[in-house]
C-alpha atoms as a PDB file:
ATOM      1  CA  MET A   1       0.122   0.645  -0.450  1.00  0.00           C
ATOM      2  CA  ILE A   2       2.533   2.482   1.042  1.00  0.00           C
ATOM      3  CA  ARG A   3       4.597   2.075  -2.865  1.00  0.00           C
ATOM      4  CA  TYR A   4       1.221   2.342  -4.033  1.00  0.00           C
ATOM      5  CA  LEU A   5       0.756   5.996  -2.240  1.00  0.00           C
ATOM      6  CA  ARG A   6       4.007   6.608  -3.362  1.00  0.00           C
ATOM      7  CA  SER A   7       3.777   5.251  -7.298  1.00  0.00           C
ATOM      8  CA  LEU A   8       0.621   7.983  -6.936  1.00  0.00           C
ATOM      9  CA  LEU A   9       2.675  11.225  -6.307  1.00  0.00           C
ATOM     10  CA  PHE A  10       4.645  10.911  -7.239  1.00  0.00           C
ATOM     11  CA  ALA A  11       2.861   9.844 -11.041  1.00  0.00           C
ATOM     12  CA  ALA A  12       0.945  13.945  -9.611  1.00  0.00           C
ATOM     13  CA  MET A  13       4.461  15.313  -9.431  1.00  0.00           C
ATOM     14  CA  LEU A  14       4.915  14.133 -13.260  1.00  0.00           C
ATOM     15  CA  LEU A  15       1.155  15.299 -14.374  1.00  0.00           C
ATOM     16  CA  PRO A  16       1.449  19.220 -14.003  1.00  0.00           C
ATOM     17  CA  ALA A  17       5.098  19.229 -15.993  1.00  0.00           C
ATOM     18  CA  THR A  18       3.724  18.138 -18.535  1.00  0.00           C
ATOM     19  CA  VAL A  19       0.419  19.620 -18.498  1.00  0.00           C
ATOM     20  CA  VAL A  20       2.539  23.309 -18.499  1.00  0.00           C
ATOM     21  CA  HIS A  21       5.064  21.911 -21.496  1.00  0.00           C
ATOM     22  CA  ALA A  22       1.973  20.528 -24.150  1.00  0.00           C
ATOM     23  CA  ALA A  23       0.926  23.750 -24.020  1.00  0.00           C
ATOM     24  CA  ASP A  24       3.510  25.587 -23.643  1.00  0.00           C
ATOM     25  CA  GLY A  25       3.946  24.579 -27.205  1.00  0.00           C
ATOM     26  CA  GLU A  26       7.271  23.840 -28.716  1.00  0.00           C
ATOM     27  CA  GLN A  27       9.998  26.385 -28.907  1.00  0.00           C
ATOM     28  CA  VAL A  28      11.218  28.577 -31.555  1.00  0.00           C
ATOM     29  CA  ASP A  29      12.962  31.365 -32.732  1.00  0.00           C
ATOM     30  CA  VAL A  30      10.675  32.661 -34.983  1.00  0.00           C
ATOM     31  CA  GLU A  31       6.567  32.016 -35.844  1.00  0.00           C
ATOM     32  CA  LEU A  32       6.450  33.536 -39.765  1.00  0.00           C
ATOM     33  CA  VAL A  33       3.682  34.300 -40.648  1.00  0.00           C
ATOM     34  CA  LEU A  34       4.311  34.374 -44.786  1.00  0.00           C
ATOM     35  CA  ALA A  35       1.096  36.756 -45.978  1.00  0.00           C
ATOM     36  CA  VAL A  36       1.487  36.617 -49.826  1.00  0.00           C
ATOM     37  CA  ASP A  37      -0.950  38.562 -51.770  1.00  0.00           C
ATOM     38  CA  ILE A  38      -2.764  36.653 -54.774  1.00  0.00           C
ATOM     39  CA  SER A  39      -5.032  39.622 -55.670  1.00  0.00           C
ATOM     40  CA  TYR A  40      -5.890  40.623 -59.382  1.00  0.00           C
ATOM     41  CA  SER A  41      -3.700  43.241 -59.394  1.00  0.00           C
ATOM     42  CA  MET A  42      -0.659  41.164 -60.256  1.00  0.00           C
ATOM     43  CA  ASP A  43      -0.797  38.891 -63.314  1.00  0.00           C
ATOM     44  CA  ALA A  44       0.280  35.439 -63.463  1.00  0.00           C
ATOM     45  CA  ASP A  45       3.724  36.210 -65.114  1.00  0.00           C
ATOM     46  CA  GLU A  46       4.640  38.591 -61.563  1.00  0.00           C
ATOM     47  CA  LEU A  47       2.620  35.690 -59.100  1.00  0.00           C
ATOM     48  CA  ALA A  48       4.551  32.614 -60.258  1.00  0.00           C
ATOM     49  CA  LEU A  49       8.144  34.880 -59.420  1.00  0.00           C
ATOM     50  CA  GLN A  50       6.933  35.650 -55.895  1.00  0.00           C
ATOM     51  CA  ARG A  51       5.764  31.818 -55.179  1.00  0.00           C
ATOM     52  CA  GLU A  52       9.366  30.948 -56.714  1.00  0.00           C
ATOM     53  CA  GLY A  53      11.046  33.804 -54.504  1.00  0.00           C
ATOM     54  CA  TYR A  54       9.531  32.401 -51.535  1.00  0.00           C
ATOM     55  CA  ILE A  55      10.777  28.572 -52.749  1.00  0.00           C
ATOM     56  CA  THR A  56      14.565  30.042 -53.085  1.00  0.00           C
ATOM     57  CA  ALA A  57      14.600  31.822 -50.942  1.00  0.00           C
ATOM     58  CA  LEU A  58      13.366  29.525 -47.931  1.00  0.00           C
ATOM     59  CA  ALA A  59      15.688  27.374 -49.244  1.00  0.00           C
ATOM     60  CA  SER A  60      18.609  28.962 -49.686  1.00  0.00           C
ATOM     61  CA  GLU A  61      22.481  28.545 -47.524  1.00  0.00           C
ATOM     62  CA  GLN A  62      21.668  31.923 -46.647  1.00  0.00           C
ATOM     63  CA  PHE A  63      18.380  31.836 -45.114  1.00  0.00           C
ATOM     64  CA  LEU A  64      19.228  27.728 -43.374  1.00  0.00           C
ATOM     65  CA  ASP A  65      22.151  29.909 -41.498  1.00  0.00           C
ATOM     66  CA  ALA A  66      20.306  32.645 -40.297  1.00  0.00           C
ATOM     67  CA  VAL A  67      18.464  29.715 -38.435  1.00  0.00           C
ATOM     68  CA  ARG A  68      20.979  27.419 -37.420  1.00  0.00           C
ATOM     69  CA  ARG A  69      21.892  30.884 -36.003  1.00  0.00           C
ATOM     70  CA  GLY A  70      18.867  31.301 -33.931  1.00  0.00           C
ATOM     71  CA  PRO A  71      19.483  30.566 -29.963  1.00  0.00           C
ATOM     72  CA  ILE A  72      16.676  27.329 -30.394  1.00  0.00           C
ATOM     73  CA  GLY A  73      18.177  27.346 -33.645  1.00  0.00           C
ATOM     74  CA  LYS A  74      14.716  26.935 -35.383  1.00  0.00           C
ATOM     75  CA  ILE A  75      12.179  28.575 -36.281  1.00  0.00           C
ATOM     76  CA  ALA A  76       8.392  28.352 -37.551  1.00  0.00           C
ATOM     77  CA  VAL A  77       6.763  28.598 -41.004  1.00  0.00           C
ATOM     78  CA  VAL A  78       2.717  28.532 -41.922  1.00  0.00           C
ATOM     79  CA  TYR A  79       2.051  29.933 -45.609  1.00  0.00           C
ATOM     80  CA  VAL A  80      -0.701  32.002 -46.289  1.00  0.00           C
ATOM     81  CA  GLU A  81      -2.202  33.708 -49.748  1.00  0.00           C
ATOM     82  CA  TRP A  82      -4.928  36.815 -49.509  1.00  0.00           C
ATOM     83  CA  ALA A  83      -6.926  39.042 -51.199  1.00  0.00           C
ATOM     84  CA  GLY A  84     -10.600  40.567 -50.552  1.00  0.00           C
ATOM     85  CA  SER A  85     -11.664  40.117 -46.980  1.00  0.00           C
ATOM     86  CA  SER A  86     -13.056  36.669 -47.445  1.00  0.00           C
ATOM     87  CA  GLU A  87     -10.372  35.733 -49.353  1.00  0.00           C
ATOM     88  CA  GLN A  88      -7.627  34.272 -46.561  1.00  0.00           C
ATOM     89  CA  GLN A  89      -6.534  30.570 -47.054  1.00  0.00           C
ATOM     90  CA  VAL A  90      -3.724  28.868 -45.298  1.00  0.00           C
ATOM     91  CA  VAL A  91      -1.822  27.156 -48.436  1.00  0.00           C
ATOM     92  CA  ILE A  92       0.885  25.353 -46.189  1.00  0.00           C
ATOM     93  CA  PRO A  93       0.215  24.581 -42.604  1.00  0.00           C
ATOM     94  CA  TRP A  94       2.960  25.632 -40.088  1.00  0.00           C
ATOM     95  CA  GLN A  95       5.705  23.394 -39.950  1.00  0.00           C
ATOM     96  CA  VAL A  96       9.099  23.795 -37.825  1.00  0.00           C
ATOM     97  CA  ILE A  97      11.950  24.415 -39.929  1.00  0.00           C
ATOM     98  CA  ASP A  98      15.718  23.697 -38.369  1.00  0.00           C
ATOM     99  CA  GLY A  99      18.183  22.542 -41.533  1.00  0.00           C
ATOM    100  CA  PRO A 100      17.631  21.333 -45.447  1.00  0.00           C
ATOM    101  CA  ALA A 101      15.374  18.713 -44.916  1.00  0.00           C
ATOM    102  CA  SER A 102      12.851  21.265 -43.331  1.00  0.00           C
ATOM    103  CA  ALA A 103      13.421  23.955 -45.883  1.00  0.00           C
ATOM    104  CA  ASP A 104      13.421  21.457 -48.614  1.00  0.00           C
ATOM    105  CA  GLU A 105       9.995  19.692 -47.430  1.00  0.00           C
ATOM    106  CA  PHE A 106       9.176  23.370 -46.931  1.00  0.00           C
ATOM    107  CA  ALA A 107       9.444  24.379 -49.692  1.00  0.00           C
ATOM    108  CA  HIS A 108       8.481  21.756 -52.565  1.00  0.00           C
ATOM    109  CA  LYS A 109       4.683  21.151 -50.702  1.00  0.00           C
ATOM    110  CA  LEU A 110       4.870  24.796 -52.228  1.00  0.00           C
ATOM    111  CA  ARG A 111       6.154  24.191 -55.555  1.00  0.00           C
ATOM    112  CA  GLN A 112       3.170  21.573 -55.362  1.00  0.00           C
ATOM    113  CA  VAL A 113       0.457  23.885 -55.122  1.00  0.00           C
ATOM    114  CA  PRO A 114      -1.458  25.188 -57.975  1.00  0.00           C
ATOM    115  CA  ILE A 115      -1.340  29.268 -58.010  1.00  0.00           C
ATOM    116  CA  ARG A 116      -4.619  30.884 -58.528  1.00  0.00           C
ATOM    117  CA  ARG A 117      -5.820  34.542 -57.934  1.00  0.00           C
ATOM    118  CA  ALA A 118      -9.020  36.087 -56.827  1.00  0.00           C
ATOM    119  CA  TYR A 119     -10.652  39.347 -56.523  1.00  0.00           C
ATOM    120  CA  ARG A 120     -10.213  42.420 -54.416  1.00  0.00           C
ATOM    121  CA  THR A 121      -7.153  43.267 -52.010  1.00  0.00           C
ATOM    122  CA  SER A 122      -7.384  43.478 -48.221  1.00  0.00           C
ATOM    123  CA  ILE A 123      -4.712  43.460 -46.400  1.00  0.00           C
ATOM    124  CA  ALA A 124      -6.412  44.911 -42.924  1.00  0.00           C
ATOM    125  CA  ASN A 125      -8.219  40.998 -42.938  1.00  0.00           C
ATOM    126  CA  ALA A 126      -5.376  39.225 -44.477  1.00  0.00           C
ATOM    127  CA  LEU A 127      -3.099  40.890 -40.822  1.00  0.00           C
ATOM    128  CA  LYS A 128      -6.285  39.707 -38.528  1.00  0.00           C
ATOM    129  CA  PHE A 129      -6.383  36.604 -40.639  1.00  0.00           C
ATOM    130  CA  SER A 130      -2.771  35.630 -39.506  1.00  0.00           C
ATOM    131  CA  ALA A 131      -2.986  36.816 -36.082  1.00  0.00           C
ATOM    132  CA  ALA A 132      -5.288  34.174 -35.300  1.00  0.00           C
ATOM    133  CA  LEU A 133      -3.396  31.569 -36.023  1.00  0.00           C
ATOM    134  CA  PHE A 134      -0.564  32.360 -33.747  1.00  0.00           C
ATOM    135  CA  GLY A 135      -0.518  30.963 -30.547  1.00  0.00           C
ATOM    136  CA  SER A 136      -1.680  26.923 -31.853  1.00  0.00           C
ATOM    137  CA  ASN A 137       0.847  23.767 -31.453  1.00  0.00           C
ATOM    138  CA  TYR A 138       4.328  26.551 -31.114  1.00  0.00           C
ATOM    139  CA  LYS A 139       6.456  29.366 -28.716  1.00  0.00           C
ATOM    140  CA  GLY A 140       8.306  31.720 -30.026  1.00  0.00           C
ATOM    141  CA  LEU A 141      10.564  34.174 -28.605  1.00  0.00           C
ATOM    142  CA  ARG A 142       8.449  36.641 -31.316  1.00  0.00           C
ATOM    143  CA  ARG A 143       5.944  36.283 -33.495  1.00  0.00           C
ATOM    144  CA  VAL A 144       6.049  38.361 -36.709  1.00  0.00           C
ATOM    145  CA  ILE A 145       3.594  38.370 -39.937  1.00  0.00           C
ATOM    146  CA  ASP A 146       5.593  39.006 -43.582  1.00  0.00           C
ATOM    147  CA  VAL A 147       2.815  40.889 -45.555  1.00  0.00           C
ATOM    148  CA  SER A 148       3.679  41.523 -49.956  1.00  0.00           C
ATOM    149  CA  GLY A 149       1.278  43.476 -51.524  1.00  0.00           C
ATOM    150  CA  ASP A 150       0.708  45.619 -54.599  1.00  0.00           C
ATOM    151  CA  GLY A 151      -2.340  47.725 -54.076  1.00  0.00           C
ATOM    152  CA  THR A 152      -4.016  49.687 -50.724  1.00  0.00           C
ATOM    153  CA  ASN A 153      -6.049  48.764 -48.421  1.00  0.00           C
ATOM    154  CA  ASN A 154      -9.744  48.512 -50.528  1.00  0.00           C
ATOM    155  CA  GLN A 155     -11.748  46.216 -48.786  1.00  0.00           C
ATOM    156  CA  GLY A 156     -13.133  44.747 -45.244  1.00  0.00           C
ATOM    157  CA  ASP A 157     -11.600  45.759 -42.134  1.00  0.00           C
ATOM    158  CA  LEU A 158     -10.033  49.533 -41.637  1.00  0.00           C
ATOM    159  CA  ILE A 159      -6.052  48.938 -42.220  1.00  0.00           C
ATOM    160  CA  MET A 160      -5.077  51.790 -39.851  1.00  0.00           C
ATOM    161  CA  PRO A 161      -7.960  50.053 -36.428  1.00  0.00           C
ATOM    162  CA  THR A 162      -6.518  47.129 -36.960  1.00  0.00           C
ATOM    163  CA  ARG A 163      -3.482  46.961 -37.692  1.00  0.00           C
ATOM    164  CA  ASP A 164      -2.960  48.679 -34.494  1.00  0.00           C
ATOM    165  CA  ASP A 165      -4.231  46.282 -32.698  1.00  0.00           C
ATOM    166  CA  ILE A 166      -3.093  43.791 -33.695  1.00  0.00           C
ATOM    167  CA  VAL A 167       1.041  44.984 -33.136  1.00  0.00           C
ATOM    168  CA  ARG A 168      -1.106  45.680 -29.457  1.00  0.00           C
ATOM    169  CA  LYS A 169      -0.755  42.153 -29.103  1.00  0.00           C
ATOM    170  CA  GLY A 170       3.103  42.134 -29.754  1.00  0.00           C
ATOM    171  CA  ILE A 171       2.999  41.383 -33.199  1.00  0.00           C
ATOM    172  CA  THR A 172       4.930  42.087 -35.414  1.00  0.00           C
ATOM    173  CA  ILE A 173       3.955  43.977 -38.949  1.00  0.00           C
ATOM    174  CA  ASN A 174       6.896  43.888 -41.953  1.00  0.00           C
ATOM    175  CA  GLY A 175       6.106  44.419 -45.164  1.00  0.00           C
ATOM    176  CA  LEU A 176       6.779  43.496 -49.613  1.00  0.00           C
ATOM    177  CA  PRO A 177       5.054  46.460 -51.255  1.00  0.00           C
ATOM    178  CA  ILE A 178       5.724  45.312 -54.844  1.00  0.00           C
ATOM    179  CA  MET A 179       6.407  47.858 -57.103  1.00  0.00           C
ATOM    180  CA  LEU A 180       6.415  46.972 -60.579  1.00  0.00           C
ATOM    181  CA  LYS A 181       3.698  48.138 -62.665  1.00  0.00           C
ATOM    182  CA  ALA A 182       3.156  52.264 -62.870  1.00  0.00           C
ATOM    183  CA  PRO A 183       0.420  52.702 -61.342  1.00  0.00           C
ATOM    184  CA  VAL A 184      -3.400  54.072 -63.149  1.00  0.00           C
ATOM    185  CA  ALA A 185      -4.916  56.407 -62.867  1.00  0.00           C
ATOM    186  CA  SER A 186      -7.588  56.074 -59.868  1.00  0.00           C
ATOM    187  CA  MET A 187      -7.176  56.778 -56.350  1.00  0.00           C
ATOM    188  CA  ILE A 188      -6.486  53.580 -54.984  1.00  0.00           C
ATOM    189  CA  ASP A 189      -3.353  52.778 -56.829  1.00  0.00           C
ATOM    190  CA  LEU A 190      -0.250  54.690 -55.305  1.00  0.00           C
ATOM    191  CA  PRO A 191       2.988  55.810 -56.829  1.00  0.00           C
ATOM    192  CA  GLU A 192       4.526  55.374 -53.467  1.00  0.00           C
ATOM    193  CA  LEU A 193       3.063  51.720 -52.501  1.00  0.00           C
ATOM    194  CA  ASP A 194       6.332  51.812 -50.661  1.00  0.00           C
ATOM    195  CA  VAL A 195       5.549  55.122 -48.107  1.00  0.00           C
ATOM    196  CA  TYR A 196       1.742  53.474 -47.513  1.00  0.00           C
ATOM    197  CA  TYR A 197       2.728  49.931 -46.394  1.00  0.00           C
ATOM    198  CA  GLN A 198       5.745  52.390 -43.769  1.00  0.00           C
ATOM    199  CA  ASP A 199       2.420  54.861 -43.160  1.00  0.00           C
ATOM    200  CA  CYS A 200      -0.439  51.890 -42.665  1.00  0.00           C
ATOM    201  CA  VAL A 201       0.424  49.029 -42.479  1.00  0.00           C
ATOM    202  CA  ILE A 202       3.335  47.778 -40.957  1.00  0.00           C
ATOM    203  CA  GLY A 203       4.777  48.311 -37.803  1.00  0.00           C
ATOM    204  CA  GLY A 204       6.158  47.083 -33.775  1.00  0.00           C
ATOM    205  CA  PRO A 205       8.803  46.406 -32.635  1.00  0.00           C
ATOM    206  CA  GLY A 206      12.264  46.185 -34.811  1.00  0.00           C
ATOM    207  CA  ALA A 207       9.600  46.388 -38.327  1.00  0.00           C
ATOM    208  CA  PHE A 208      10.738  46.991 -41.702  1.00  0.00           C
ATOM    209  CA  LEU A 209      10.013  46.656 -45.037  1.00  0.00           C
ATOM    210  CA  VAL A 210      11.329  45.755 -48.326  1.00  0.00           C
ATOM    211  CA  PRO A 211       9.935  47.232 -51.469  1.00  0.00           C
ATOM    212  CA  VAL A 212      10.398  45.611 -54.713  1.00  0.00           C
ATOM    213  CA  ARG A 213      10.392  47.594 -58.020  1.00  0.00           C
ATOM    214  CA  GLU A 214      12.303  45.714 -59.935  1.00  0.00           C
ATOM    215  CA  ARG A 215      10.792  42.170 -62.119  1.00  0.00           C
ATOM    216  CA  TYR A 216      14.725  40.705 -60.936  1.00  0.00           C
ATOM    217  CA  GLN A 217      14.361  42.044 -57.251  1.00  0.00           C
ATOM    218  CA  PHE A 218      11.828  39.557 -56.745  1.00  0.00           C
ATOM    219  CA  ALA A 219      13.779  36.778 -55.325  1.00  0.00           C
ATOM    220  CA  ASP A 220      16.476  39.275 -53.557  1.00  0.00           C
ATOM    221  CA  ALA A 221      14.580  40.988 -51.220  1.00  0.00           C
ATOM    222  CA  ILE A 222      12.520  38.430 -50.151  1.00  0.00           C
ATOM    223  CA  ARG A 223      15.665  36.230 -49.316  1.00  0.00           C
ATOM    224  CA  ASN A 224      17.177  39.575 -47.342  1.00  0.00           C
ATOM    225  CA  LYS A 225      14.184  40.442 -45.940  1.00  0.00           C
ATOM    226  CA  LEU A 226      13.947  35.954 -44.704  1.00  0.00           C
ATOM    227  CA  LEU A 227      17.545  37.311 -43.807  1.00  0.00           C
ATOM    228  CA  LEU A 228      15.894  40.212 -41.432  1.00  0.00           C
ATOM    229  CA  GLU A 229      12.828  38.317 -39.945  1.00  0.00           C
ATOM    230  CA  VAL A 230      14.941  35.074 -39.102  1.00  0.00           C
ATOM    231  CA  ALA A 231      17.131  36.450 -37.749  1.00  0.00           C
ATOM    232  CA  GLY A 232      17.892  39.688 -37.073  1.00  0.00           C
ATOM    233  CA  VAL A 233      20.765  39.955 -39.275  1.00  0.00           C
ATOM    234  CA  ARG A 234      20.648  43.694 -41.524  1.00  0.00           C
ATOM    235  CA  PRO A 235      21.831  42.583 -45.161  1.00  0.00           C
ATOM    236  CA  GLN A 236      24.527  45.946 -45.903  1.00  0.00           C
ATOM    237  CA  HIS A 237      24.098  45.897 -49.396  1.00  0.00           C
ATOM    238  CA  ILE A 238      19.846  46.416 -49.376  1.00  0.00           C
ATOM    239  CA  PRO A 239      18.390  49.812 -48.259  1.00  0.00           C
ATOM    240  CA  LEU A 240      16.118  49.532 -45.154  1.00  0.00           C
ATOM    241  CA  PRO A 241      13.820  51.828 -42.970  1.00  0.00           C
ATOM    242  CA  GLN A 242      14.170  52.935 -39.782  1.00  0.00           C
ATOM    243  CA  ASP A 243      12.480  50.983 -36.885  1.00  0.00           C
ATOM    244  CA  HIS A 244       9.020  50.967 -37.720  1.00  0.00           C
ATOM    245  CA  VAL A 245       7.478  51.314 -33.927  1.00  0.00           C
ATOM    246  CA  ILE A 246       3.515  52.694 -33.769  1.00  0.00           C
ATOM    247  CA  PRO A 247       2.111  55.109 -33.884  1.00  0.00           C
ATOM    248  CA  ALA A 248       5.191  55.470 -37.319  1.00  0.00           C
ATOM    249  CA  GLN A 249       4.102  59.048 -37.801  1.00  0.00           C
ATOM    250  CA  ASP A 250       1.469  62.124 -36.332  1.00  0.00           C
ATOM    251  CA  LYS A 251       0.933  63.572 -40.329  1.00  0.00           C
ATOM    252  CA  PRO A 252       0.841  60.974 -41.942  1.00  0.00           C
ATOM    253  CA  ARG A 253       2.840  61.219 -45.834  1.00  0.00           C
ATOM    254  CA  VAL A 254      -0.241  59.402 -47.788  1.00  0.00           C
ATOM    255  CA  SER A 255      -3.732  59.116 -47.086  1.00  0.00           C
ATOM    256  CA  CYS A 256      -4.020  55.128 -45.193  1.00  0.00           C
ATOM    257  CA  THR A 257      -7.656  55.246 -46.330  1.00  0.00           C
ATOM    258  CA  VAL A 258      -7.169  56.069 -49.684  1.00  0.00           C
ATOM    259  CA  GLY A 259      -8.625  52.769 -51.097  1.00  0.00           C
ATOM    260  CA  GLU A 260     -10.704  52.586 -48.255  1.00  0.00           C
ATOM    261  CA  GLN A 261     -12.714  55.886 -49.232  1.00  0.00           C
ATOM    262  CA  MET A 262     -13.062  54.630 -52.986  1.00  0.00           C
ATOM    263  CA  TRP A 263     -14.576  51.813 -51.827  1.00  0.00           C
ATOM    264  CA  GLN A 264     -17.314  53.184 -49.857  1.00  0.00           C
ATOM    265  CA  ARG A 265     -17.915  55.479 -52.150  1.00  0.00           C
ATOM    266  CA  ARG A 266     -17.849  53.017 -55.480  1.00  0.00           C
ATOM    267  CA  TRP A 267     -20.123  50.218 -53.044  1.00  0.00           C
ATOM    268  CA  GLY A 268     -22.106  51.836 -50.326  1.00  0.00           C
ATOM    269  CA  GLY A 269     -19.213  51.386 -47.713  1.00  0.00           C
ATOM    270  CA  GLU A 270     -20.989  47.877 -47.097  1.00  0.00           C
ATOM    271  CA  SER A 271     -18.193  45.505 -46.890  1.00  0.00           C
ATOM    272  CA  TYR A 272     -16.900  48.495 -43.726  1.00  0.00           C
ATOM    273  CA  GLN A 273     -17.449  46.200 -40.591  1.00  0.00           C
END
């Protein structure tokens, strides 16, 4: 009986530790959401170039070296595609990358997924969807959303309140504004999309953006951006803006509601909450 009671006590002592460990999740250096724009404003060639840029970057030796140099030596990544307010989809679920094998596995999965396109551009809803993915099975020292896009927020929730709410949760939002085409004569399009992203989209400690202005820059921009997000190592050959902490500026240089106002005038604001 004494031995039996001792065994029960020993088991009870082990149980809380096991439960806490499971609730905490697997420790990683960074939980990284790659939120990728697939709106119709990008043509099929640009979407293919963007996809290949992520595949190449995730399997690159520079990226893997940055992962290895982290305190834990591994990160968790999920790949999301988005467009309009109700168009967000997890393409590759959360996966740990800790070396060439896991990176190649992630890249292979991504290469097998057909490229698709969808209507409208809701950066705000893409950010909300991405933020909700954190805290599932992993516990990162940092939580980062890497959002790419080639236009302003023109459907769904308002961008600035959404951005601010996510940043208050301790999540950093970084940007990859895609500026391959000259803007058409429209109030939705901005010639300085990078300024819009800096003032209205990105935020949180250490937030930054890397603009893509030419097709040949895609792969390098994505790789360098991932290096920064994983290891905080700034590539010396690419100019980056200063760290962007909310509030970005008292007086934004561009209107953060430019796309939202156009949508409200055209459709009566029915998509806004």
